[in-house]
Amino acid sequence: MSRKTVLVVGLTVIILFAVFILGCSKEASLTITSFTANPNTVHAGETSTISAVVSYDGDGTLAYEWSAEDGSISGSGATVTWTAPDSAGTFIIALTVSDGDVSDDATVNVQVDTIPPADYFPLAVGNYWTFSVNWSDTAGSTDAYTQTQSIDDTVEIDSLLWFVMYNTSSDSSVDSIYYRKGTDYLYGGHYMYGAFFAFPAAPLNPEIGMEWDDVETLLVDITVHGEVEAYETITVPSGTYDCYRELLTVESSIYNFSLRTWFADGVGPVRIVDIETADSTDMQLQDYSLN
């Protein structure tokens, strides 16, 4: 064999050996070792932090592809925020991590609760709620005082039994409003223009997104629109409560107001905010007693 032939054979062996070694090189390993939702139970409209821990021994760039069957995802990379939809149920959040050659998948479940059935406005003679009130107007004036809402009596109006609630402020002003529970709604009532004005104030079985409307005619048409906005946890001076949040708007040619109220199970209203008028009023529950 000539020297030239030996050289060609040697080069061929080296090339074949290199191809063999490269062909047998170890493929990168990629594994999602942890995939969690914190918290894994939320109220409708609330958020959960979804986090992944990935084990990867390659030198490529990892791509994170997130998806959810409902709700919305914000963020990127190994940790994102999922915002729950308004509906209840168990929802799957999925992740695929890939370097272009190898990949791994994982899923996690998040439970979404809506508004549980409960008594969100206990009515009984002797019940009272005391609120700390912060008031301000557009001119910059402010005031802080307390207001007690107490159910002191019952009265029959148009053959229906109403509970009479007195609103007594620390400035000695007194007002009254009437409440009763119908089949589907808590009704509020008030004397206006010499007549009794009654309206659906809050649903007894609230669901997020539900709306209701009512029109009453006294001297003028009075339009009432209500909406259940959310179910959430809030903290006020008397404690921390799971509440459903309602927006109630009353409109007429004489006056308008919108009240956002948080109702807690077995307690009643724990926060009331006037969001429509020029004056701003924020009432937060300070103390209460129920019979």
Protein backbone atom coordinates (compact mmCIF):
# COMPACT_ATOMS: atom_id res chain seq x y z
CA MET A 1 0.00 0.00 0.00
CA SER A 2 1.36 3.38 -0.99
CA ARG A 3 1.86 6.19 1.47
CA LYS A 4 -0.87 8.17 -0.29
CA THR A 5 -3.35 5.32 0.12
CA VAL A 6 -2.50 4.97 3.82
CA LEU A 7 -3.10 8.70 4.31
CA VAL A 8 -6.50 8.55 2.62
CA VAL A 9 -7.54 5.53 4.67
CA GLY A 10 -6.36 7.22 7.88
CA LEU A 11 -8.33 10.37 7.16
CA THR A 12 -11.40 8.31 6.37
CA VAL A 13 -11.14 6.47 9.70
CA ILE A 14 -10.78 9.75 11.59
CA ILE A 15 -13.80 11.24 9.85
CA LEU A 16 -15.90 8.14 10.47
CA PHE A 17 -14.82 8.10 14.12
CA ALA A 18 -15.74 11.78 14.54
CA VAL A 19 -19.14 11.20 12.96
CA PHE A 20 -19.68 8.23 15.26
CA ILE A 21 -18.73 10.25 18.35
CA LEU A 22 -20.90 13.21 17.35
CA GLY A 23 -23.78 10.93 16.47
CA CYS A 24 -23.59 9.33 19.88
CA SER A 25 -23.29 12.61 21.80
CA LYS A 26 -25.75 12.92 24.71
CA GLU A 27 -29.00 14.83 24.03
CA ALA A 28 -29.73 17.70 26.44
CA SER A 29 -32.06 16.90 29.33
CA LEU A 30 -34.99 19.23 30.14
CA THR A 31 -37.49 18.58 32.94
CA ILE A 32 -40.05 20.73 34.71
CA THR A 33 -39.34 19.63 38.27
CA SER A 34 -41.87 21.85 40.02
CA PHE A 35 -45.04 23.59 38.81
CA THR A 36 -47.20 25.39 41.39
CA ALA A 37 -50.08 27.86 41.77
CA ASN A 38 -50.07 30.18 44.79
CA PRO A 39 -52.77 30.30 45.94
CA ASN A 40 -54.46 27.35 44.29
CA THR A 41 -57.93 28.55 45.27
CA VAL A 42 -59.05 32.09 44.46
CA HIS A 43 -62.20 34.13 44.15
CA ALA A 44 -63.46 35.16 40.75
CA GLY A 45 -61.38 38.04 39.37
CA GLU A 46 -58.50 37.46 41.77
CA THR A 47 -54.96 36.41 40.81
CA SER A 48 -52.69 33.43 41.36
CA THR A 49 -48.93 33.29 40.83
CA ILE A 50 -47.94 30.34 38.63
CA SER A 51 -44.30 29.28 38.95
CA ALA A 52 -42.14 26.64 37.28
CA VAL A 53 -38.73 25.25 38.21
CA VAL A 54 -36.86 23.74 35.26
CA SER A 55 -33.85 21.41 35.25
CA TYR A 56 -31.83 21.79 32.04
CA ASP A 57 -28.27 20.70 31.22
CA GLY A 58 -28.08 22.05 27.68
CA ASP A 59 -26.66 25.32 26.41
CA GLY A 60 -29.67 26.46 24.37
CA THR A 61 -32.18 29.20 25.06
CA LEU A 62 -35.36 28.11 26.79
CA ALA A 63 -38.74 29.28 25.57
CA TYR A 64 -41.76 29.28 27.92
CA GLU A 65 -45.17 28.87 26.29
CA TRP A 66 -48.12 29.46 28.65
CA SER A 67 -51.81 28.81 28.09
CA ALA A 68 -55.03 28.72 30.14
CA GLU A 69 -58.48 27.46 29.26
CA ASP A 70 -59.99 30.64 30.72
CA GLY A 71 -58.89 33.74 32.55
CA SER A 72 -55.84 35.71 31.47
CA ILE A 73 -52.06 35.34 31.84
CA SER A 74 -49.64 38.22 32.27
CA GLY A 75 -45.87 38.04 32.42
CA SER A 76 -43.33 35.70 30.85
CA GLY A 77 -40.55 33.29 31.72
CA ALA A 78 -40.74 30.86 34.60
CA THR A 79 -43.27 32.86 36.68
CA VAL A 80 -46.50 34.48 35.50
CA THR A 81 -49.71 35.84 36.98
CA TRP A 82 -53.06 34.27 36.14
CA THR A 83 -56.24 36.31 36.63
CA ALA A 84 -59.31 34.18 37.28
CA PRO A 85 -62.47 34.56 35.18
CA ASP A 86 -65.81 35.59 36.64
CA SER A 87 -67.16 32.05 36.50
CA ALA A 88 -66.62 29.32 39.08
CA GLY A 89 -64.89 26.01 38.43
CA THR A 90 -61.53 24.28 38.17
CA PHE A 91 -59.25 25.80 35.54
CA ILE A 92 -56.11 24.32 33.98
CA ILE A 93 -53.00 26.40 33.37
CA ALA A 94 -50.46 24.72 31.08
CA LEU A 95 -46.79 25.31 30.32
CA THR A 96 -44.45 23.99 27.64
CA VAL A 97 -40.72 24.64 27.99
CA SER A 98 -38.47 23.98 25.01
CA ASP A 99 -34.98 24.71 23.69
CA GLY A 100 -36.06 23.88 20.14
CA ASP A 101 -34.93 20.27 20.34
CA VAL A 102 -36.22 18.92 23.65
CA SER A 103 -39.24 20.02 25.64
CA ASP A 104 -41.38 19.22 28.67
CA ASP A 105 -44.99 19.98 29.59
CA ALA A 106 -46.80 20.52 32.86
CA THR A 107 -50.26 21.57 34.07
CA VAL A 108 -51.67 22.87 37.33
CA ASN A 109 -55.28 23.32 38.47
CA VAL A 110 -56.67 26.42 40.17
CA GLN A 111 -60.06 26.37 41.84
CA VAL A 112 -62.19 29.49 41.39
CA ASP A 113 -64.97 30.14 43.88
CA THR A 114 -67.85 32.50 43.26
CA ILE A 115 -70.18 33.91 45.87
CA PRO A 116 -71.34 31.29 48.38
CA PRO A 117 -74.97 31.36 49.52
CA ALA A 118 -75.22 33.18 52.84
CA ASP A 119 -77.15 35.79 54.80
CA TYR A 120 -75.48 39.00 53.68
CA PHE A 121 -77.86 41.34 55.50
CA PRO A 122 -79.19 39.96 58.79
CA LEU A 123 -82.47 41.64 59.72
CA ALA A 124 -83.62 41.55 63.35
CA VAL A 125 -84.74 44.15 65.82
CA GLY A 126 -81.77 45.06 68.01
CA ASN A 127 -79.10 44.65 65.32
CA TYR A 128 -76.74 47.58 64.95
CA TRP A 129 -73.67 48.51 62.90
CA THR A 130 -71.33 51.37 63.82
CA PHE A 131 -69.23 52.90 61.03
CA SER A 132 -66.28 55.24 61.03
CA VAL A 133 -67.00 57.84 58.35
CA ASN A 134 -64.55 59.97 56.40
CA TRP A 135 -66.08 62.78 54.37
CA SER A 136 -64.57 65.31 51.99
CA ASP A 137 -65.72 67.66 49.25
CA THR A 138 -64.18 69.20 46.14
CA ALA A 139 -63.33 72.39 48.05
CA GLY A 140 -60.97 70.42 50.28
CA SER A 141 -63.14 70.36 53.39
CA THR A 142 -62.98 67.15 55.43
CA ASP A 143 -64.77 65.62 58.37
CA ALA A 144 -64.55 62.40 60.36
CA TYR A 145 -67.32 61.04 62.54
CA THR A 146 -69.17 57.85 63.47
CA GLN A 147 -72.57 56.67 62.32
CA THR A 148 -74.65 53.91 63.87
CA GLN A 149 -77.28 52.07 61.87
CA SER A 150 -79.69 50.30 64.20
CA ILE A 151 -82.84 48.26 63.59
CA ASP A 152 -85.18 49.47 66.29
CA ASP A 153 -88.66 48.50 65.14
CA THR A 154 -90.89 46.92 62.52
CA VAL A 155 -93.80 48.46 60.67
CA GLU A 156 -96.39 47.24 58.19
CA ILE A 157 -96.59 49.18 54.93
CA ASP A 158 -98.93 48.10 52.14
CA SER A 159 -99.48 44.77 53.96
CA LEU A 160 -95.72 44.04 54.02
CA LEU A 161 -93.57 43.89 57.16
CA TRP A 162 -90.57 46.23 57.07
CA PHE A 163 -87.67 46.60 59.50
CA VAL A 164 -87.03 50.22 60.47
CA MET A 165 -83.35 51.21 60.52
CA TYR A 166 -82.27 54.48 62.09
CA ASN A 167 -79.05 56.13 60.98
CA THR A 168 -77.67 58.14 63.89
CA SER A 169 -74.49 60.18 63.46
CA SER A 170 -72.21 61.54 66.17
CA ASP A 171 -73.40 65.01 65.12
CA SER A 172 -76.87 63.93 66.38
CA SER A 173 -78.47 63.82 62.93
CA VAL A 174 -81.03 61.03 62.52
CA ASP A 175 -82.46 59.47 59.37
CA SER A 176 -84.46 56.32 58.77
CA ILE A 177 -84.69 53.73 56.02
CA TYR A 178 -86.77 50.58 55.76
CA TYR A 179 -85.69 47.07 54.78
CA ARG A 180 -87.39 43.77 54.06
CA LYS A 181 -86.43 40.54 52.33
CA GLY A 182 -88.44 39.41 49.34
CA THR A 183 -88.05 36.22 47.35
CA ASP A 184 -84.95 37.29 45.44
CA TYR A 185 -83.91 40.69 46.76
CA LEU A 186 -83.32 42.74 49.85
CA TYR A 187 -85.62 45.75 49.39
CA GLY A 188 -84.95 49.22 50.69
CA GLY A 189 -87.65 51.79 51.30
CA HIS A 190 -87.84 55.50 52.06
CA TYR A 191 -90.51 58.19 52.24
CA MET A 192 -90.06 60.77 49.48
CA TYR A 193 -92.42 63.52 48.35
CA GLY A 194 -95.04 62.19 50.72
CA ALA A 195 -94.98 58.70 49.19
CA PHE A 196 -93.17 55.48 50.05
CA PHE A 197 -90.41 54.62 47.58
CA ALA A 198 -89.31 50.94 47.59
CA PHE A 199 -86.57 49.43 45.42
CA PRO A 200 -84.47 46.21 45.10
CA ALA A 201 -81.30 47.14 47.01
CA ALA A 202 -79.32 43.89 46.88
CA PRO A 203 -79.78 40.29 45.65
CA LEU A 204 -80.25 37.57 48.24
CA ASN A 205 -78.38 35.05 46.05
CA PRO A 206 -75.73 37.17 44.32
CA GLU A 207 -73.69 36.02 41.36
CA ILE A 208 -70.81 37.98 39.88
CA GLY A 209 -71.95 39.95 36.88
CA MET A 210 -75.68 39.85 37.66
CA GLU A 211 -77.54 43.12 37.10
CA TRP A 212 -81.01 44.40 37.90
CA ASP A 213 -83.08 47.46 37.08
CA ASP A 214 -86.14 49.11 38.54
CA VAL A 215 -88.12 52.26 37.80
CA GLU A 216 -90.40 53.93 40.34
CA THR A 217 -92.49 57.00 39.69
CA LEU A 218 -93.25 59.48 42.46
CA LEU A 219 -93.16 63.15 41.46
CA VAL A 220 -90.40 62.12 39.06
CA ASP A 221 -89.14 58.87 37.58
CA ILE A 222 -86.51 57.26 39.77
CA THR A 223 -84.30 54.70 38.03
CA VAL A 224 -82.38 52.09 40.01
CA HIS A 225 -79.57 49.99 38.53
CA GLY A 226 -77.60 47.42 40.50
CA GLU A 227 -74.66 45.21 39.65
CA VAL A 228 -72.68 42.58 41.56
CA GLU A 229 -69.07 43.39 40.70
CA ALA A 230 -66.85 40.91 42.57
CA TYR A 231 -66.27 38.62 45.52
CA GLU A 232 -63.20 39.65 47.47
CA THR A 233 -61.55 39.91 50.87
CA ILE A 234 -61.30 43.33 52.51
CA THR A 235 -60.09 44.64 55.86
CA VAL A 236 -61.90 47.35 57.82
CA PRO A 237 -61.51 48.48 61.46
CA SER A 238 -63.74 45.67 62.77
CA GLY A 239 -61.84 42.88 60.99
CA THR A 240 -61.20 41.05 57.72
CA TYR A 241 -64.15 39.71 55.73
CA ASP A 242 -64.98 37.80 52.56
CA CYS A 243 -67.48 40.04 50.81
CA TYR A 244 -69.43 40.44 47.66
CA ARG A 245 -69.13 43.93 46.18
CA GLU A 246 -72.15 45.69 44.74
CA LEU A 247 -72.62 48.94 42.85
CA LEU A 248 -76.07 50.53 43.22
CA THR A 249 -76.97 53.63 41.21
CA VAL A 250 -80.09 55.73 41.71
CA GLU A 251 -80.91 58.43 39.17
CA SER A 252 -83.66 61.01 38.83
CA SER A 253 -84.07 64.54 37.53
CA ILE A 254 -83.62 65.82 41.08
CA TYR A 255 -80.63 63.88 42.41
CA ASN A 256 -78.26 61.02 41.58
CA PHE A 257 -76.02 58.82 43.69
CA SER A 258 -73.96 55.66 43.36
CA LEU A 259 -73.00 53.53 46.33
CA ARG A 260 -70.43 50.76 46.28
CA THR A 261 -71.12 48.38 49.16
CA TRP A 262 -69.28 45.34 50.49
CA PHE A 263 -71.57 42.74 52.13
CA ALA A 264 -70.11 40.07 54.43
CA ASP A 265 -71.66 36.72 55.30
CA GLY A 266 -73.59 36.91 58.57
CA VAL A 267 -72.53 40.51 59.15
CA GLY A 268 -74.12 42.78 56.57
CA PRO A 269 -72.49 45.85 55.02
CA VAL A 270 -68.90 46.34 56.17
CA ARG A 271 -67.94 49.20 53.83
CA ILE A 272 -70.01 51.76 51.92
CA VAL A 273 -68.45 54.27 49.52
CA ASP A 274 -70.29 57.07 47.74
CA ILE A 275 -68.59 57.22 44.34
CA GLU A 276 -70.89 59.51 42.36
CA THR A 277 -71.63 62.76 44.18
CA ALA A 278 -69.24 65.71 44.47
CA ASP A 279 -68.82 64.92 48.16
CA SER A 280 -66.83 61.78 48.96
CA THR A 281 -67.98 59.51 51.78
CA ASP A 282 -66.23 56.33 52.92
CA MET A 283 -67.91 54.33 55.70
CA GLN A 284 -66.05 51.40 57.26
CA LEU A 285 -67.47 49.05 59.88
CA GLN A 286 -66.07 49.69 63.33
CA ASP A 287 -68.36 47.58 65.51
CA TYR A 288 -71.59 45.61 65.23
CA SER A 289 -73.98 43.44 67.22
CA LEU A 290 -76.55 40.98 65.89
CA ASN A 291 -79.48 39.32 67.62
